[in-house]
Amino acid sequence: MQQVILGATYTDWYIGFSLAFIVIVVVVIIVSTILTLAARIADQARAAAAGVDVVRAQTTSLDAGVELVNDCAVRILHMARALRKIAVGK
């Protein structure tokens, strides 16, 4: 009968801890990259929201101006028709 001596080697433990450390480092890098990109997106969203507010303010300020332009256009059209009647003689 042969006697088996179990040696207590910690090589497997060192390999396991090393692999776990590498995995944790990779996860930290990925999460930090995601957070950095999220911060950039948030900054761009704030800038876009500010731009939308400016456009909204400019558009609402044109409400009275559009009516004025339409009135002027209708007057010009009536004048042009009147001039055409005079020129053509109808």
PDB file of N, CA and C in Angstrom:
ATOM      1  N   MET A   1       0.829  -1.154   0.000  1.00  0.00           N
ATOM      2  CA  MET A   1       0.000   0.000   0.000  1.00  0.00           C
ATOM      3  C   MET A   1       0.886   1.234   0.000  1.00  0.00           C
ATOM      4  N   GLN A   2       0.509   2.142  -0.848  1.00  0.00           N
ATOM      5  CA  GLN A   2       1.312   3.343  -0.989  1.00  0.00           C
ATOM      6  C   GLN A   2       0.655   4.471  -0.202  1.00  0.00           C
ATOM      7  N   GLN A   3       1.444   5.220   0.446  1.00  0.00           N
ATOM      8  CA  GLN A   3       0.935   6.283   1.289  1.00  0.00           C
ATOM      9  C   GLN A   3       0.979   7.603   0.513  1.00  0.00           C
ATOM     10  N   VAL A   4      -0.183   8.326   0.514  1.00  0.00           N
ATOM     11  CA  VAL A   4      -0.297   9.593  -0.205  1.00  0.00           C
ATOM     12  C   VAL A   4      -0.170  10.718   0.806  1.00  0.00           C
ATOM     13  N   ILE A   5       0.774  11.572   0.568  1.00  0.00           N
ATOM     14  CA  ILE A   5       0.977  12.722   1.449  1.00  0.00           C
ATOM     15  C   ILE A   5       0.402  13.951   0.746  1.00  0.00           C
ATOM     16  N   LEU A   6      -0.543  14.560   1.425  1.00  0.00           N
ATOM     17  CA  LEU A   6      -1.159  15.753   0.866  1.00  0.00           C
ATOM     18  C   LEU A   6      -0.331  16.961   1.252  1.00  0.00           C
ATOM     19  N   GLY A   7       0.204  17.594   0.270  1.00  0.00           N
ATOM     20  CA  GLY A   7       1.007  18.785   0.529  1.00  0.00           C
ATOM     21  C   GLY A   7       0.116  20.018   0.492  1.00  0.00           C
ATOM     22  N   ALA A   8       0.348  20.884   1.374  1.00  0.00           N
ATOM     23  CA  ALA A   8      -0.433  22.113   1.435  1.00  0.00           C
ATOM     24  C   ALA A   8       0.244  23.162   0.575  1.00  0.00           C
ATOM     25  N   THR A   9      -0.157  23.209  -0.677  1.00  0.00           N
ATOM     26  CA  THR A   9       0.396  24.232  -1.572  1.00  0.00           C
ATOM     27  C   THR A   9      -0.636  25.324  -1.748  1.00  0.00           C
ATOM     28  N   TYR A  10      -0.164  26.516  -1.745  1.00  0.00           N
ATOM     29  CA  TYR A  10      -1.054  27.663  -1.874  1.00  0.00           C
ATOM     30  C   TYR A  10      -1.015  28.258  -3.284  1.00  0.00           C
ATOM     31  N   THR A  11      -0.465  27.546  -4.216  1.00  0.00           N
ATOM     32  CA  THR A  11      -0.341  28.049  -5.578  1.00  0.00           C
ATOM     33  C   THR A  11      -1.717  28.334  -6.177  1.00  0.00           C
ATOM     34  N   ASP A  12      -2.658  27.417  -5.963  1.00  0.00           N
ATOM     35  CA  ASP A  12      -4.006  27.618  -6.499  1.00  0.00           C
ATOM     36  C   ASP A  12      -4.668  28.850  -5.887  1.00  0.00           C
ATOM     37  N   TRP A  13      -4.441  29.064  -4.601  1.00  0.00           N
ATOM     38  CA  TRP A  13      -4.990  30.235  -3.941  1.00  0.00           C
ATOM     39  C   TRP A  13      -4.413  31.525  -4.528  1.00  0.00           C
ATOM     40  N   TYR A  14      -3.123  31.541  -4.774  1.00  0.00           N
ATOM     41  CA  TYR A  14      -2.488  32.722  -5.351  1.00  0.00           C
ATOM     42  C   TYR A  14      -3.026  32.992  -6.757  1.00  0.00           C
ATOM     43  N   ILE A  15      -3.197  31.952  -7.531  1.00  0.00           N
ATOM     44  CA  ILE A  15      -3.744  32.106  -8.882  1.00  0.00           C
ATOM     45  C   ILE A  15      -5.175  32.646  -8.794  1.00  0.00           C
ATOM     46  N   GLY A  16      -5.974  32.117  -7.901  1.00  0.00           N
ATOM     47  CA  GLY A  16      -7.361  32.566  -7.736  1.00  0.00           C
ATOM     48  C   GLY A  16      -7.447  34.015  -7.312  1.00  0.00           C
ATOM     49  N   PHE A  17      -6.623  34.402  -6.338  1.00  0.00           N
ATOM     50  CA  PHE A  17      -6.618  35.788  -5.886  1.00  0.00           C
ATOM     51  C   PHE A  17      -6.136  36.720  -6.993  1.00  0.00           C
ATOM     52  N   SER A  18      -5.152  36.278  -7.753  1.00  0.00           N
ATOM     53  CA  SER A  18      -4.647  37.102  -8.854  1.00  0.00           C
ATOM     54  C   SER A  18      -5.727  37.312  -9.914  1.00  0.00           C
ATOM     55  N   LEU A  19      -6.414  36.246 -10.279  1.00  0.00           N
ATOM     56  CA  LEU A  19      -7.486  36.361 -11.270  1.00  0.00           C
ATOM     57  C   LEU A  19      -8.632  37.242 -10.755  1.00  0.00           C
ATOM     58  N   ALA A  20      -8.975  37.093  -9.489  1.00  0.00           N
ATOM     59  CA  ALA A  20     -10.028  37.924  -8.901  1.00  0.00           C
ATOM     60  C   ALA A  20      -9.625  39.395  -8.910  1.00  0.00           C
ATOM     61  N   PHE A  21      -8.360  39.677  -8.595  1.00  0.00           N
ATOM     62  CA  PHE A  21      -7.861  41.050  -8.620  1.00  0.00           C
ATOM     63  C   PHE A  21      -7.957  41.634 -10.023  1.00  0.00           C
ATOM     64  N   ILE A  22      -7.567  40.843 -11.022  1.00  0.00           N
ATOM     65  CA  ILE A  22      -7.619  41.308 -12.415  1.00  0.00           C
ATOM     66  C   ILE A  22      -9.063  41.590 -12.827  1.00  0.00           C
ATOM     67  N   VAL A  23      -9.967  40.702 -12.449  1.00  0.00           N
ATOM     68  CA  VAL A  23     -11.379  40.901 -12.785  1.00  0.00           C
ATOM     69  C   VAL A  23     -11.909  42.172 -12.130  1.00  0.00           C
ATOM     70  N   ILE A  24     -11.575  42.402 -10.879  1.00  0.00           N
ATOM     71  CA  ILE A  24     -12.032  43.594 -10.171  1.00  0.00           C
ATOM     72  C   ILE A  24     -11.469  44.857 -10.812  1.00  0.00           C
ATOM     73  N   VAL A  25     -10.217  44.831 -11.210  1.00  0.00           N
ATOM     74  CA  VAL A  25      -9.610  45.990 -11.866  1.00  0.00           C
ATOM     75  C   VAL A  25     -10.324  46.287 -13.189  1.00  0.00           C
ATOM     76  N   VAL A  26     -10.621  45.257 -13.964  1.00  0.00           N
ATOM     77  CA  VAL A  26     -11.312  45.445 -15.244  1.00  0.00           C
ATOM     78  C   VAL A  26     -12.711  46.024 -15.007  1.00  0.00           C
ATOM     79  N   VAL A  27     -13.417  45.523 -14.003  1.00  0.00           N
ATOM     80  CA  VAL A  27     -14.763  46.038 -13.692  1.00  0.00           C
ATOM     81  C   VAL A  27     -14.685  47.505 -13.270  1.00  0.00           C
ATOM     82  N   VAL A  28     -13.710  47.860 -12.471  1.00  0.00           N
ATOM     83  CA  VAL A  28     -13.558  49.256 -12.037  1.00  0.00           C
ATOM     84  C   VAL A  28     -13.279  50.157 -13.238  1.00  0.00           C
ATOM     85  N   ILE A  29     -12.463  49.710 -14.164  1.00  0.00           N
ATOM     86  CA  ILE A  29     -12.165  50.498 -15.369  1.00  0.00           C
ATOM     87  C   ILE A  29     -13.428  50.685 -16.200  1.00  0.00           C
ATOM     88  N   ILE A  30     -14.201  49.622 -16.378  1.00  0.00           N
ATOM     89  CA  ILE A  30     -15.426  49.714 -17.168  1.00  0.00           C
ATOM     90  C   ILE A  30     -16.431  50.656 -16.508  1.00  0.00           C
ATOM     91  N   VAL A  31     -16.613  50.522 -15.202  1.00  0.00           N
ATOM     92  CA  VAL A  31     -17.575  51.381 -14.494  1.00  0.00           C
ATOM     93  C   VAL A  31     -17.133  52.842 -14.538  1.00  0.00           C
ATOM     94  N   SER A  32     -15.860  53.106 -14.374  1.00  0.00           N
ATOM     95  CA  SER A  32     -15.389  54.494 -14.424  1.00  0.00           C
ATOM     96  C   SER A  32     -15.569  55.082 -15.822  1.00  0.00           C
ATOM     97  N   THR A  33     -15.365  54.276 -16.853  1.00  0.00           N
ATOM     98  CA  THR A  33     -15.595  54.738 -18.221  1.00  0.00           C
ATOM     99  C   THR A  33     -17.061  55.070 -18.438  1.00  0.00           C
ATOM    100  N   ILE A  34     -17.950  54.209 -17.954  1.00  0.00           N
ATOM    101  CA  ILE A  34     -19.387  54.452 -18.088  1.00  0.00           C
ATOM    102  C   ILE A  34     -19.790  55.727 -17.348  1.00  0.00           C
ATOM    103  N   LEU A  35     -19.269  55.939 -16.159  1.00  0.00           N
ATOM    104  CA  LEU A  35     -19.609  57.142 -15.397  1.00  0.00           C
ATOM    105  C   LEU A  35     -19.087  58.403 -16.075  1.00  0.00           C
ATOM    106  N   THR A  36     -17.902  58.326 -16.664  1.00  0.00           N
ATOM    107  CA  THR A  36     -17.353  59.471 -17.387  1.00  0.00           C
ATOM    108  C   THR A  36     -18.217  59.817 -18.590  1.00  0.00           C
ATOM    109  N   LEU A  37     -18.612  58.805 -19.350  1.00  0.00           N
ATOM    110  CA  LEU A  37     -19.464  59.047 -20.511  1.00  0.00           C
ATOM    111  C   LEU A  37     -20.838  59.570 -20.089  1.00  0.00           C
ATOM    112  N   ALA A  38     -21.365  59.070 -18.990  1.00  0.00           N
ATOM    113  CA  ALA A  38     -22.658  59.552 -18.490  1.00  0.00           C
ATOM    114  C   ALA A  38     -22.566  61.023 -18.094  1.00  0.00           C
ATOM    115  N   ALA A  39     -21.457  61.420 -17.505  1.00  0.00           N
ATOM    116  CA  ALA A  39     -21.276  62.831 -17.143  1.00  0.00           C
ATOM    117  C   ALA A  39     -21.215  63.712 -18.390  1.00  0.00           C
ATOM    118  N   ARG A  40     -20.534  63.239 -19.429  1.00  0.00           N
ATOM    119  CA  ARG A  40     -20.476  64.003 -20.676  1.00  0.00           C
ATOM    120  C   ARG A  40     -21.867  64.133 -21.295  1.00  0.00           C
ATOM    121  N   ILE A  41     -22.618  63.045 -21.293  1.00  0.00           N
ATOM    122  CA  ILE A  41     -23.975  63.076 -21.849  1.00  0.00           C
ATOM    123  C   ILE A  41     -24.844  64.044 -21.053  1.00  0.00           C
ATOM    124  N   ALA A  42     -24.704  64.049 -19.738  1.00  0.00           N
ATOM    125  CA  ALA A  42     -25.482  64.971 -18.906  1.00  0.00           C
ATOM    126  C   ALA A  42     -25.136  66.421 -19.235  1.00  0.00           C
ATOM    127  N   ASP A  43     -23.855  66.716 -19.458  1.00  0.00           N
ATOM    128  CA  ASP A  43     -23.454  68.078 -19.825  1.00  0.00           C
ATOM    129  C   ASP A  43     -24.060  68.481 -21.169  1.00  0.00           C
ATOM    130  N   GLN A  44     -24.026  67.566 -22.137  1.00  0.00           N
ATOM    131  CA  GLN A  44     -24.595  67.856 -23.449  1.00  0.00           C
ATOM    132  C   GLN A  44     -26.112  68.026 -23.361  1.00  0.00           C
ATOM    133  N   ALA A  45     -26.757  67.246 -22.508  1.00  0.00           N
ATOM    134  CA  ALA A  45     -28.205  67.369 -22.341  1.00  0.00           C
ATOM    135  C   ALA A  45     -28.562  68.716 -21.726  1.00  0.00           C
ATOM    136  N   ARG A  46     -27.767  69.182 -20.759  1.00  0.00           N
ATOM    137  CA  ARG A  46     -28.007  70.503 -20.170  1.00  0.00           C
ATOM    138  C   ARG A  46     -27.864  71.600 -21.220  1.00  0.00           C
ATOM    139  N   ALA A  47     -26.831  71.492 -22.055  1.00  0.00           N
ATOM    140  CA  ALA A  47     -26.623  72.488 -23.111  1.00  0.00           C
ATOM    141  C   ALA A  47     -27.770  72.452 -24.122  1.00  0.00           C
ATOM    142  N   ALA A  48     -28.230  71.265 -24.469  1.00  0.00           N
ATOM    143  CA  ALA A  48     -29.341  71.150 -25.410  1.00  0.00           C
ATOM    144  C   ALA A  48     -30.620  71.728 -24.818  1.00  0.00           C
ATOM    145  N   ALA A  49     -30.864  71.490 -23.545  1.00  0.00           N
ATOM    146  CA  ALA A  49     -32.057  72.034 -22.891  1.00  0.00           C
ATOM    147  C   ALA A  49     -32.005  73.562 -22.872  1.00  0.00           C
ATOM    148  N   ALA A  50     -30.833  74.112 -22.640  1.00  0.00           N
ATOM    149  CA  ALA A  50     -30.692  75.571 -22.661  1.00  0.00           C
ATOM    150  C   ALA A  50     -30.958  76.108 -24.069  1.00  0.00           C
ATOM    151  N   GLY A  51     -30.468  75.404 -25.073  1.00  0.00           N
ATOM    152  CA  GLY A  51     -30.721  75.814 -26.457  1.00  0.00           C
ATOM    153  C   GLY A  51     -32.192  75.753 -26.811  1.00  0.00           C
ATOM    154  N   VAL A  52     -32.874  74.729 -26.332  1.00  0.00           N
ATOM    155  CA  VAL A  52     -34.315  74.612 -26.582  1.00  0.00           C
ATOM    156  C   VAL A  52     -35.061  75.764 -25.922  1.00  0.00           C
ATOM    157  N   ASP A  53     -34.647  76.145 -24.725  1.00  0.00           N
ATOM    158  CA  ASP A  53     -35.282  77.277 -24.048  1.00  0.00           C
ATOM    159  C   ASP A  53     -35.095  78.577 -24.834  1.00  0.00           C
ATOM    160  N   VAL A  54     -33.905  78.768 -25.391  1.00  0.00           N
ATOM    161  CA  VAL A  54     -33.647  79.971 -26.192  1.00  0.00           C
ATOM    162  C   VAL A  54     -34.526  79.970 -27.438  1.00  0.00           C
ATOM    163  N   VAL A  55     -34.613  78.838 -28.113  1.00  0.00           N
ATOM    164  CA  VAL A  55     -35.435  78.746 -29.322  1.00  0.00           C
ATOM    165  C   VAL A  55     -36.911  78.973 -28.973  1.00  0.00           C
ATOM    166  N   ARG A  56     -37.359  78.391 -27.865  1.00  0.00           N
ATOM    167  CA  ARG A  56     -38.753  78.585 -27.444  1.00  0.00           C
ATOM    168  C   ARG A  56     -39.036  80.065 -27.173  1.00  0.00           C
ATOM    169  N   ALA A  57     -38.108  80.741 -26.500  1.00  0.00           N
ATOM    170  CA  ALA A  57     -38.295  82.158 -26.204  1.00  0.00           C
ATOM    171  C   ALA A  57     -38.336  82.985 -27.494  1.00  0.00           C
ATOM    172  N   GLN A  58     -37.483  82.655 -28.441  1.00  0.00           N
ATOM    173  CA  GLN A  58     -37.472  83.393 -29.703  1.00  0.00           C
ATOM    174  C   GLN A  58     -38.736  83.122 -30.510  1.00  0.00           C
ATOM    175  N   THR A  59     -39.237  81.906 -30.458  1.00  0.00           N
ATOM    176  CA  THR A  59     -40.418  81.556 -31.231  1.00  0.00           C
ATOM    177  C   THR A  59     -41.673  82.207 -30.652  1.00  0.00           C
ATOM    178  N   THR A  60     -41.792  82.207 -29.333  1.00  0.00           N
ATOM    179  CA  THR A  60     -42.974  82.820 -28.730  1.00  0.00           C
ATOM    180  C   THR A  60     -42.964  84.331 -28.891  1.00  0.00           C
ATOM    181  N   SER A  61     -41.800  84.930 -29.043  1.00  0.00           N
ATOM    182  CA  SER A  61     -41.746  86.378 -29.250  1.00  0.00           C
ATOM    183  C   SER A  61     -42.194  86.751 -30.657  1.00  0.00           C
ATOM    184  N   LEU A  62     -42.308  85.785 -31.552  1.00  0.00           N
ATOM    185  CA  LEU A  62     -42.732  86.058 -32.922  1.00  0.00           C
ATOM    186  C   LEU A  62     -44.248  85.999 -33.101  1.00  0.00           C
ATOM    187  N   ASP A  63     -44.983  85.669 -32.067  1.00  0.00           N
ATOM    188  CA  ASP A  63     -46.429  85.511 -32.204  1.00  0.00           C
ATOM    189  C   ASP A  63     -47.089  86.764 -32.772  1.00  0.00           C
ATOM    190  N   ALA A  64     -46.791  87.914 -32.218  1.00  0.00           N
ATOM    191  CA  ALA A  64     -47.373  89.161 -32.718  1.00  0.00           C
ATOM    192  C   ALA A  64     -46.772  89.529 -34.064  1.00  0.00           C
ATOM    193  N   GLY A  65     -45.526  89.214 -34.271  1.00  0.00           N
ATOM    194  CA  GLY A  65     -44.849  89.544 -35.522  1.00  0.00           C
ATOM    195  C   GLY A  65     -45.408  88.781 -36.707  1.00  0.00           C
ATOM    196  N   VAL A  66     -45.827  87.551 -36.499  1.00  0.00           N
ATOM    197  CA  VAL A  66     -46.383  86.746 -37.590  1.00  0.00           C
ATOM    198  C   VAL A  66     -47.682  87.366 -38.088  1.00  0.00           C
ATOM    199  N   GLU A  67     -48.518  87.815 -37.169  1.00  0.00           N
ATOM    200  CA  GLU A  67     -49.771  88.459 -37.576  1.00  0.00           C
ATOM    201  C   GLU A  67     -49.499  89.726 -38.374  1.00  0.00           C
ATOM    202  N   LEU A  68     -48.508  90.498 -37.948  1.00  0.00           N
ATOM    203  CA  LEU A  68     -48.154  91.724 -38.660  1.00  0.00           C
ATOM    204  C   LEU A  68     -47.659  91.415 -40.064  1.00  0.00           C
ATOM    205  N   VAL A  69     -46.827  90.398 -40.183  1.00  0.00           N
ATOM    206  CA  VAL A  69     -46.310  90.008 -41.495  1.00  0.00           C
ATOM    207  C   VAL A  69     -47.447  89.532 -42.390  1.00  0.00           C
ATOM    208  N   ASN A  70     -48.369  88.744 -41.834  1.00  0.00           N
ATOM    209  CA  ASN A  70     -49.504  88.281 -42.630  1.00  0.00           C
ATOM    210  C   ASN A  70     -50.372  89.454 -43.099  1.00  0.00           C
ATOM    211  N   ASP A  71     -50.624  90.416 -42.218  1.00  0.00           N
ATOM    212  CA  ASP A  71     -51.412  91.588 -42.602  1.00  0.00           C
ATOM    213  C   ASP A  71     -50.735  92.362 -43.726  1.00  0.00           C
ATOM    214  N   CYS A  72     -49.428  92.548 -43.596  1.00  0.00           N
ATOM    215  CA  CYS A  72     -48.676  93.266 -44.635  1.00  0.00           C
ATOM    216  C   CYS A  72     -48.714  92.505 -45.957  1.00  0.00           C
ATOM    217  N   ALA A  73     -48.592  91.192 -45.882  1.00  0.00           N
ATOM    218  CA  ALA A  73     -48.617  90.388 -47.100  1.00  0.00           C
ATOM    219  C   ALA A  73     -49.979  90.473 -47.781  1.00  0.00           C
ATOM    220  N   VAL A  74     -51.051  90.460 -47.011  1.00  0.00           N
ATOM    221  CA  VAL A  74     -52.398  90.579 -47.581  1.00  0.00           C
ATOM    222  C   VAL A  74     -52.571  91.954 -48.225  1.00  0.00           C
ATOM    223  N   ARG A  75     -52.091  93.006 -47.590  1.00  0.00           N
ATOM    224  CA  ARG A  75     -52.189  94.361 -48.166  1.00  0.00           C
ATOM    225  C   ARG A  75     -51.409  94.456 -49.472  1.00  0.00           C
ATOM    226  N   ILE A  76     -50.197  93.882 -49.481  1.00  0.00           N
ATOM    227  CA  ILE A  76     -49.385  93.896 -50.707  1.00  0.00           C
ATOM    228  C   ILE A  76     -50.103  93.141 -51.808  1.00  0.00           C
ATOM    229  N   LEU A  77     -50.722  92.017 -51.488  1.00  0.00           N
ATOM    230  CA  LEU A  77     -51.451  91.236 -52.483  1.00  0.00           C
ATOM    231  C   LEU A  77     -52.621  92.040 -53.046  1.00  0.00           C
ATOM    232  N   HIS A  78     -53.367  92.706 -52.175  1.00  0.00           N
ATOM    233  CA  HIS A  78     -54.492  93.523 -52.644  1.00  0.00           C
ATOM    234  C   HIS A  78     -54.004  94.668 -53.531  1.00  0.00           C
ATOM    235  N   MET A  79     -52.911  95.304 -53.139  1.00  0.00           N
ATOM    236  CA  MET A  79     -52.354  96.383 -53.953  1.00  0.00           C
ATOM    237  C   MET A  79     -51.893  95.869 -55.306  1.00  0.00           C
ATOM    238  N   ALA A  80     -51.269  94.702 -55.328  1.00  0.00           N
ATOM    239  CA  ALA A  80     -50.797  94.142 -56.589  1.00  0.00           C
ATOM    240  C   ALA A  80     -51.976  93.810 -57.499  1.00  0.00           C
ATOM    241  N   ARG A  81     -53.062  93.304 -56.945  1.00  0.00           N
ATOM    242  CA  ARG A  81     -54.255  93.020 -57.757  1.00  0.00           C
ATOM    243  C   ARG A  81     -54.853  94.313 -58.308  1.00  0.00           C
ATOM    244  N   ALA A  82     -54.872  95.330 -57.464  1.00  0.00           N
ATOM    245  CA  ALA A  82     -55.414  96.614 -57.924  1.00  0.00           C
ATOM    246  C   ALA A  82     -54.559  97.188 -59.045  1.00  0.00           C
ATOM    247  N   LEU A  83     -53.255  97.122 -58.908  1.00  0.00           N
ATOM    248  CA  LEU A  83     -52.356  97.628 -59.959  1.00  0.00           C
ATOM    249  C   LEU A  83     -52.510  96.819 -61.246  1.00  0.00           C
ATOM    250  N   ARG A  84     -52.717  95.512 -61.110  1.00  0.00           N
ATOM    251  CA  ARG A  84     -52.873  94.684 -62.302  1.00  0.00           C
ATOM    252  C   ARG A  84     -54.177  95.060 -63.029  1.00  0.00           C
ATOM    253  N   LYS A  85     -55.233  95.321 -62.267  1.00  0.00           N
ATOM    254  CA  LYS A  85     -56.502  95.716 -62.881  1.00  0.00           C
ATOM    255  C   LYS A  85     -56.341  97.039 -63.638  1.00  0.00           C
ATOM    256  N   ILE A  86     -55.579  97.947 -63.010  1.00  0.00           N
ATOM    257  CA  ILE A  86     -55.367  99.241 -63.675  1.00  0.00           C
ATOM    258  C   ILE A  86     -54.505  99.055 -64.913  1.00  0.00           C
ATOM    259  N   ALA A  87     -53.460  98.253 -64.823  1.00  0.00           N
ATOM    260  CA  ALA A  87     -52.545  98.072 -65.946  1.00  0.00           C
ATOM    261  C   ALA A  87     -53.193  97.304 -67.076  1.00  0.00           C
ATOM    262  N   VAL A  88     -53.953  96.273 -66.784  1.00  0.00           N
ATOM    263  CA  VAL A  88     -54.553  95.445 -67.814  1.00  0.00           C
ATOM    264  C   VAL A  88     -55.872  96.075 -68.278  1.00  0.00           C
ATOM    265  N   GLY A  89     -56.543  96.750 -67.403  1.00  0.00           N
ATOM    266  CA  GLY A  89     -57.769  97.408 -67.770  1.00  0.00           C
ATOM    267  C   GLY A  89     -58.993  96.549 -67.517  1.00  0.00           C
ATOM    268  N   LYS A  90     -58.900  95.578 -66.645  1.00  0.00           N
ATOM    269  CA  LYS A  90     -60.059  94.743 -66.340  1.00  0.00           C
ATOM    270  C   LYS A  90     -60.775  95.235 -65.137  1.00  0.00           C
TER     271      LYS A  90
END
